[in-house]
Amino acid sequence: MTLKSASFLALCASILLAALLLVSLIWNIVGVLRGLIPALTLFSSVVYAFAGLSAAMFFYVFHVKQP
């Protein structure tokens, strides 16, 4: 496995993870608006979604820069 193919695989996995975290964030926002979930859970959901998007962006740039 070359470094370029490994970075592509990591990019695909991080995109899927970021999508899952964004869906979770949306569900938590809807739950807070309905009064079913405490508002404090939004903080952790935002942090997780930001970390997932940051990892996806990192692997995208890493994949593009590979020769």
PDB file of N, CA and C in Angstrom:
ATOM      1  N   MET A   1       0.850  -1.169   0.000  1.00  0.00           N
ATOM      2  CA  MET A   1       0.000   0.000   0.000  1.00  0.00           C
ATOM      3  C   MET A   1       0.897   1.234   0.000  1.00  0.00           C
ATOM      4  N   THR A   2       0.655   2.108  -0.941  1.00  0.00           N
ATOM      5  CA  THR A   2       1.451   3.324  -1.025  1.00  0.00           C
ATOM      6  C   THR A   2       0.894   4.373  -0.063  1.00  0.00           C
ATOM      7  N   LEU A   3       1.684   5.408   0.140  1.00  0.00           N
ATOM      8  CA  LEU A   3       1.265   6.477   1.038  1.00  0.00           C
ATOM      9  C   LEU A   3       0.067   7.223   0.474  1.00  0.00           C
ATOM     10  N   LYS A   4      -0.005   7.369  -0.840  1.00  0.00           N
ATOM     11  CA  LYS A   4      -1.131   8.067  -1.466  1.00  0.00           C
ATOM     12  C   LYS A   4      -2.419   7.267  -1.304  1.00  0.00           C
ATOM     13  N   SER A   5      -2.368   5.956  -1.467  1.00  0.00           N
ATOM     14  CA  SER A   5      -3.582   5.152  -1.301  1.00  0.00           C
ATOM     15  C   SER A   5      -4.002   5.077   0.171  1.00  0.00           C
ATOM     16  N   ALA A   6      -3.032   5.059   1.066  1.00  0.00           N
ATOM     17  CA  ALA A   6      -3.364   5.054   2.493  1.00  0.00           C
ATOM     18  C   ALA A   6      -3.998   6.384   2.909  1.00  0.00           C
ATOM     19  N   SER A   7      -3.505   7.479   2.357  1.00  0.00           N
ATOM     20  CA  SER A   7      -4.099   8.773   2.689  1.00  0.00           C
ATOM     21  C   SER A   7      -5.501   8.889   2.093  1.00  0.00           C
ATOM     22  N   PHE A   8      -5.742   8.282   0.930  1.00  0.00           N
ATOM     23  CA  PHE A   8      -7.085   8.292   0.354  1.00  0.00           C
ATOM     24  C   PHE A   8      -8.053   7.479   1.209  1.00  0.00           C
ATOM     25  N   LEU A   9      -7.594   6.344   1.697  1.00  0.00           N
ATOM     26  CA  LEU A   9      -8.433   5.521   2.575  1.00  0.00           C
ATOM     27  C   LEU A   9      -8.762   6.267   3.870  1.00  0.00           C
ATOM     28  N   ALA A  10      -7.782   6.941   4.440  1.00  0.00           N
ATOM     29  CA  ALA A  10      -8.022   7.732   5.657  1.00  0.00           C
ATOM     30  C   ALA A  10      -8.962   8.894   5.360  1.00  0.00           C
ATOM     31  N   LEU A  11      -8.847   9.481   4.180  1.00  0.00           N
ATOM     32  CA  LEU A  11      -9.740  10.567   3.796  1.00  0.00           C
ATOM     33  C   LEU A  11     -11.179  10.071   3.700  1.00  0.00           C
ATOM     34  N   CYS A  12     -11.388   8.933   3.074  1.00  0.00           N
ATOM     35  CA  CYS A  12     -12.740   8.372   2.963  1.00  0.00           C
ATOM     36  C   CYS A  12     -13.330   8.076   4.335  1.00  0.00           C
ATOM     37  N   ALA A  13     -12.539   7.493   5.212  1.00  0.00           N
ATOM     38  CA  ALA A  13     -13.024   7.162   6.548  1.00  0.00           C
ATOM     39  C   ALA A  13     -13.338   8.425   7.348  1.00  0.00           C
ATOM     40  N   SER A  14     -12.505   9.443   7.221  1.00  0.00           N
ATOM     41  CA  SER A  14     -12.758  10.668   7.985  1.00  0.00           C
ATOM     42  C   SER A  14     -13.955  11.438   7.432  1.00  0.00           C
ATOM     43  N   ILE A  15     -14.225  11.346   6.140  1.00  0.00           N
ATOM     44  CA  ILE A  15     -15.419  11.978   5.576  1.00  0.00           C
ATOM     45  C   ILE A  15     -16.675  11.292   6.111  1.00  0.00           C
ATOM     46  N   LEU A  16     -16.656   9.968   6.161  1.00  0.00           N
ATOM     47  CA  LEU A  16     -17.802   9.236   6.711  1.00  0.00           C
ATOM     48  C   LEU A  16     -18.012   9.570   8.185  1.00  0.00           C
ATOM     49  N   LEU A  17     -16.931   9.647   8.930  1.00  0.00           N
ATOM     50  CA  LEU A  17     -17.026   9.990  10.346  1.00  0.00           C
ATOM     51  C   LEU A  17     -17.535  11.416  10.536  1.00  0.00           C
ATOM     52  N   ALA A  18     -17.052  12.345   9.727  1.00  0.00           N
ATOM     53  CA  ALA A  18     -17.510  13.734   9.829  1.00  0.00           C
ATOM     54  C   ALA A  18     -18.995  13.837   9.496  1.00  0.00           C
ATOM     55  N   ALA A  19     -19.446  13.075   8.501  1.00  0.00           N
ATOM     56  CA  ALA A  19     -20.871  13.090   8.153  1.00  0.00           C
ATOM     57  C   ALA A  19     -21.712  12.558   9.309  1.00  0.00           C
ATOM     58  N   LEU A  20     -21.254  11.493   9.935  1.00  0.00           N
ATOM     59  CA  LEU A  20     -21.970  10.929  11.077  1.00  0.00           C
ATOM     60  C   LEU A  20     -22.026  11.923  12.234  1.00  0.00           C
ATOM     61  N   LEU A  21     -20.942  12.619  12.486  1.00  0.00           N
ATOM     62  CA  LEU A  21     -20.910  13.604  13.572  1.00  0.00           C
ATOM     63  C   LEU A  21     -21.781  14.810  13.265  1.00  0.00           C
ATOM     64  N   LEU A  22     -21.850  15.217  11.993  1.00  0.00           N
ATOM     65  CA  LEU A  22     -22.728  16.329  11.631  1.00  0.00           C
ATOM     66  C   LEU A  22     -24.201  15.955  11.775  1.00  0.00           C
ATOM     67  N   VAL A  23     -24.545  14.732  11.412  1.00  0.00           N
ATOM     68  CA  VAL A  23     -25.927  14.275  11.600  1.00  0.00           C
ATOM     69  C   VAL A  23     -26.268  14.230  13.086  1.00  0.00           C
ATOM     70  N   SER A  24     -25.328  13.778  13.890  1.00  0.00           N
ATOM     71  CA  SER A  24     -25.538  13.754  15.332  1.00  0.00           C
ATOM     72  C   SER A  24     -25.716  15.165  15.884  1.00  0.00           C
ATOM     73  N   LEU A  25     -24.943  16.119  15.374  1.00  0.00           N
ATOM     74  CA  LEU A  25     -25.089  17.512  15.800  1.00  0.00           C
ATOM     75  C   LEU A  25     -26.469  18.044  15.433  1.00  0.00           C
ATOM     76  N   ILE A  26     -26.937  17.750  14.243  1.00  0.00           N
ATOM     77  CA  ILE A  26     -28.268  18.217  13.825  1.00  0.00           C
ATOM     78  C   ILE A  26     -29.354  17.608  14.711  1.00  0.00           C
ATOM     79  N   TRP A  27     -29.246  16.325  15.015  1.00  0.00           N
ATOM     80  CA  TRP A  27     -30.233  15.689  15.891  1.00  0.00           C
ATOM     81  C   TRP A  27     -30.218  16.301  17.280  1.00  0.00           C
ATOM     82  N   ASN A  28     -29.023  16.641  17.766  1.00  0.00           N
ATOM     83  CA  ASN A  28     -28.936  17.270  19.083  1.00  0.00           C
ATOM     84  C   ASN A  28     -29.530  18.672  19.067  1.00  0.00           C
ATOM     85  N   ILE A  29     -29.328  19.407  17.985  1.00  0.00           N
ATOM     86  CA  ILE A  29     -29.937  20.741  17.877  1.00  0.00           C
ATOM     87  C   ILE A  29     -31.454  20.631  17.885  1.00  0.00           C
ATOM     88  N   VAL A  30     -31.983  19.683  17.119  1.00  0.00           N
ATOM     89  CA  VAL A  30     -33.434  19.479  17.097  1.00  0.00           C
ATOM     90  C   VAL A  30     -33.939  19.064  18.478  1.00  0.00           C
ATOM     91  N   GLY A  31     -33.193  18.196  19.158  1.00  0.00           N
ATOM     92  CA  GLY A  31     -33.588  17.771  20.500  1.00  0.00           C
ATOM     93  C   GLY A  31     -33.577  18.898  21.501  1.00  0.00           C
ATOM     94  N   VAL A  32     -32.601  19.793  21.394  1.00  0.00           N
ATOM     95  CA  VAL A  32     -32.550  20.941  22.301  1.00  0.00           C
ATOM     96  C   VAL A  32     -33.708  21.884  22.013  1.00  0.00           C
ATOM     97  N   LEU A  33     -34.003  22.112  20.743  1.00  0.00           N
ATOM     98  CA  LEU A  33     -35.110  23.007  20.403  1.00  0.00           C
ATOM     99  C   LEU A  33     -36.456  22.466  20.871  1.00  0.00           C
ATOM    100  N   ARG A  34     -36.593  21.154  20.904  1.00  0.00           N
ATOM    101  CA  ARG A  34     -37.834  20.538  21.387  1.00  0.00           C
ATOM    102  C   ARG A  34     -37.866  20.406  22.909  1.00  0.00           C
ATOM    103  N   GLY A  35     -36.746  20.638  23.545  1.00  0.00           N
ATOM    104  CA  GLY A  35     -36.691  20.541  25.001  1.00  0.00           C
ATOM    105  C   GLY A  35     -36.455  19.133  25.506  1.00  0.00           C
ATOM    106  N   LEU A  36     -35.989  18.239  24.660  1.00  0.00           N
ATOM    107  CA  LEU A  36     -35.776  16.848  25.064  1.00  0.00           C
ATOM    108  C   LEU A  36     -34.359  16.577  25.564  1.00  0.00           C
ATOM    109  N   ILE A  37     -33.427  17.410  25.155  1.00  0.00           N
ATOM    110  CA  ILE A  37     -32.017  17.210  25.485  1.00  0.00           C
ATOM    111  C   ILE A  37     -31.516  18.473  26.167  1.00  0.00           C
ATOM    112  N   PRO A  38     -30.686  18.357  27.211  1.00  0.00           N
ATOM    113  CA  PRO A  38     -30.128  19.559  27.840  1.00  0.00           C
ATOM    114  C   PRO A  38     -29.227  20.326  26.865  1.00  0.00           C
ATOM    115  N   ALA A  39     -29.214  21.631  26.989  1.00  0.00           N
ATOM    116  CA  ALA A  39     -28.453  22.481  26.069  1.00  0.00           C
ATOM    117  C   ALA A  39     -26.949  22.266  26.176  1.00  0.00           C
ATOM    118  N   LEU A  40     -26.480  21.752  27.291  1.00  0.00           N
ATOM    119  CA  LEU A  40     -25.046  21.533  27.481  1.00  0.00           C
ATOM    120  C   LEU A  40     -24.500  20.469  26.528  1.00  0.00           C
ATOM    121  N   THR A  41     -25.338  19.565  26.061  1.00  0.00           N
ATOM    122  CA  THR A  41     -24.870  18.539  25.127  1.00  0.00           C
ATOM    123  C   THR A  41     -24.498  19.125  23.771  1.00  0.00           C
ATOM    124  N   LEU A  42     -24.987  20.314  23.469  1.00  0.00           N
ATOM    125  CA  LEU A  42     -24.624  20.950  22.198  1.00  0.00           C
ATOM    126  C   LEU A  42     -23.139  21.277  22.142  1.00  0.00           C
ATOM    127  N   PHE A  43     -22.566  21.639  23.277  1.00  0.00           N
ATOM    128  CA  PHE A  43     -21.143  21.986  23.301  1.00  0.00           C
ATOM    129  C   PHE A  43     -20.281  20.814  22.858  1.00  0.00           C
ATOM    130  N   SER A  44     -20.526  19.644  23.419  1.00  0.00           N
ATOM    131  CA  SER A  44     -19.726  18.482  23.037  1.00  0.00           C
ATOM    132  C   SER A  44     -19.996  18.072  21.589  1.00  0.00           C
ATOM    133  N   SER A  45     -21.222  18.225  21.129  1.00  0.00           N
ATOM    134  CA  SER A  45     -21.528  17.879  19.747  1.00  0.00           C
ATOM    135  C   SER A  45     -20.823  18.815  18.766  1.00  0.00           C
ATOM    136  N   VAL A  46     -20.760  20.083  19.102  1.00  0.00           N
ATOM    137  CA  VAL A  46     -20.058  21.039  18.244  1.00  0.00           C
ATOM    138  C   VAL A  46     -18.564  20.730  18.208  1.00  0.00           C
ATOM    139  N   VAL A  47     -17.994  20.404  19.352  1.00  0.00           N
ATOM    140  CA  VAL A  47     -16.571  20.069  19.413  1.00  0.00           C
ATOM    141  C   VAL A  47     -16.280  18.817  18.594  1.00  0.00           C
ATOM    142  N   TYR A  48     -17.107  17.786  18.729  1.00  0.00           N
ATOM    143  CA  TYR A  48     -16.908  16.551  17.969  1.00  0.00           C
ATOM    144  C   TYR A  48     -17.043  16.799  16.471  1.00  0.00           C
ATOM    145  N   ALA A  49     -18.037  17.563  16.066  1.00  0.00           N
ATOM    146  CA  ALA A  49     -18.231  17.855  14.642  1.00  0.00           C
ATOM    147  C   ALA A  49     -17.057  18.663  14.086  1.00  0.00           C
ATOM    148  N   PHE A  50     -16.575  19.628  14.861  1.00  0.00           N
ATOM    149  CA  PHE A  50     -15.422  20.412  14.423  1.00  0.00           C
ATOM    150  C   PHE A  50     -14.179  19.533  14.286  1.00  0.00           C
ATOM    151  N   ALA A  51     -13.967  18.629  15.231  1.00  0.00           N
ATOM    152  CA  ALA A  51     -12.807  17.734  15.161  1.00  0.00           C
ATOM    153  C   ALA A  51     -12.907  16.800  13.954  1.00  0.00           C
ATOM    154  N   GLY A  52     -14.100  16.286  13.672  1.00  0.00           N
ATOM    155  CA  GLY A  52     -14.273  15.418  12.510  1.00  0.00           C
ATOM    156  C   GLY A  52     -14.033  16.153  11.204  1.00  0.00           C
ATOM    157  N   LEU A  53     -14.534  17.371  11.098  1.00  0.00           N
ATOM    158  CA  LEU A  53     -14.307  18.163   9.885  1.00  0.00           C
ATOM    159  C   LEU A  53     -12.838  18.559   9.746  1.00  0.00           C
ATOM    160  N   SER A  54     -12.181  18.840  10.857  1.00  0.00           N
ATOM    161  CA  SER A  54     -10.760  19.179  10.810  1.00  0.00           C
ATOM    162  C   SER A  54      -9.922  17.997  10.357  1.00  0.00           C
ATOM    163  N   ALA A  55     -10.256  16.808  10.824  1.00  0.00           N
ATOM    164  CA  ALA A  55      -9.530  15.611  10.396  1.00  0.00           C
ATOM    165  C   ALA A  55      -9.747  15.340   8.908  1.00  0.00           C
ATOM    166  N   ALA A  56     -10.968  15.516   8.438  1.00  0.00           N
ATOM    167  CA  ALA A  56     -11.250  15.324   7.017  1.00  0.00           C
ATOM    168  C   ALA A  56     -10.477  16.332   6.174  1.00  0.00           C
ATOM    169  N   MET A  57     -10.416  17.578   6.623  1.00  0.00           N
ATOM    170  CA  MET A  57      -9.683  18.598   5.886  1.00  0.00           C
ATOM    171  C   MET A  57      -8.186  18.283   5.873  1.00  0.00           C
ATOM    172  N   PHE A  58      -7.669  17.821   7.004  1.00  0.00           N
ATOM    173  CA  PHE A  58      -6.254  17.467   7.073  1.00  0.00           C
ATOM    174  C   PHE A  58      -5.934  16.345   6.098  1.00  0.00           C
ATOM    175  N   PHE A  59      -6.742  15.292   6.076  1.00  0.00           N
ATOM    176  CA  PHE A  59      -6.460  14.171   5.182  1.00  0.00           C
ATOM    177  C   PHE A  59      -6.658  14.552   3.720  1.00  0.00           C
ATOM    178  N   TYR A  60      -7.570  15.486   3.442  1.00  0.00           N
ATOM    179  CA  TYR A  60      -7.727  15.950   2.067  1.00  0.00           C
ATOM    180  C   TYR A  60      -6.467  16.670   1.597  1.00  0.00           C
ATOM    181  N   VAL A  61      -5.971  17.586   2.410  1.00  0.00           N
ATOM    182  CA  VAL A  61      -4.759  18.314   2.042  1.00  0.00           C
ATOM    183  C   VAL A  61      -3.573  17.352   1.964  1.00  0.00           C
ATOM    184  N   PHE A  62      -3.476  16.408   2.876  1.00  0.00           N
ATOM    185  CA  PHE A  62      -2.389  15.426   2.864  1.00  0.00           C
ATOM    186  C   PHE A  62      -2.437  14.575   1.607  1.00  0.00           C
ATOM    187  N   HIS A  63      -3.645  14.176   1.195  1.00  0.00           N
ATOM    188  CA  HIS A  63      -3.796  13.353  -0.011  1.00  0.00           C
ATOM    189  C   HIS A  63      -3.437  14.132  -1.268  1.00  0.00           C
ATOM    190  N   VAL A  64      -3.847  15.387  -1.334  1.00  0.00           N
ATOM    191  CA  VAL A  64      -3.576  16.194  -2.517  1.00  0.00           C
ATOM    192  C   VAL A  64      -2.079  16.482  -2.662  1.00  0.00           C
ATOM    193  N   LYS A  65      -1.387  16.660  -1.567  1.00  0.00           N
ATOM    194  CA  LYS A  65       0.034  17.005  -1.615  1.00  0.00           C
ATOM    195  C   LYS A  65       0.948  15.808  -1.892  1.00  0.00           C
ATOM    196  N   GLN A  66       0.419  14.610  -1.889  1.00  0.00           N
ATOM    197  CA  GLN A  66       1.251  13.444  -2.175  1.00  0.00           C
ATOM    198  C   GLN A  66       1.569  13.384  -3.669  1.00  0.00           C
ATOM    199  N   PRO A  67       2.820  13.044  -4.006  1.00  0.00           N
ATOM    200  CA  PRO A  67       3.208  12.983  -5.441  1.00  0.00           C
ATOM    201  C   PRO A  67       2.605  11.798  -6.165  1.00  0.00           C
TER     202      PRO A  67
END
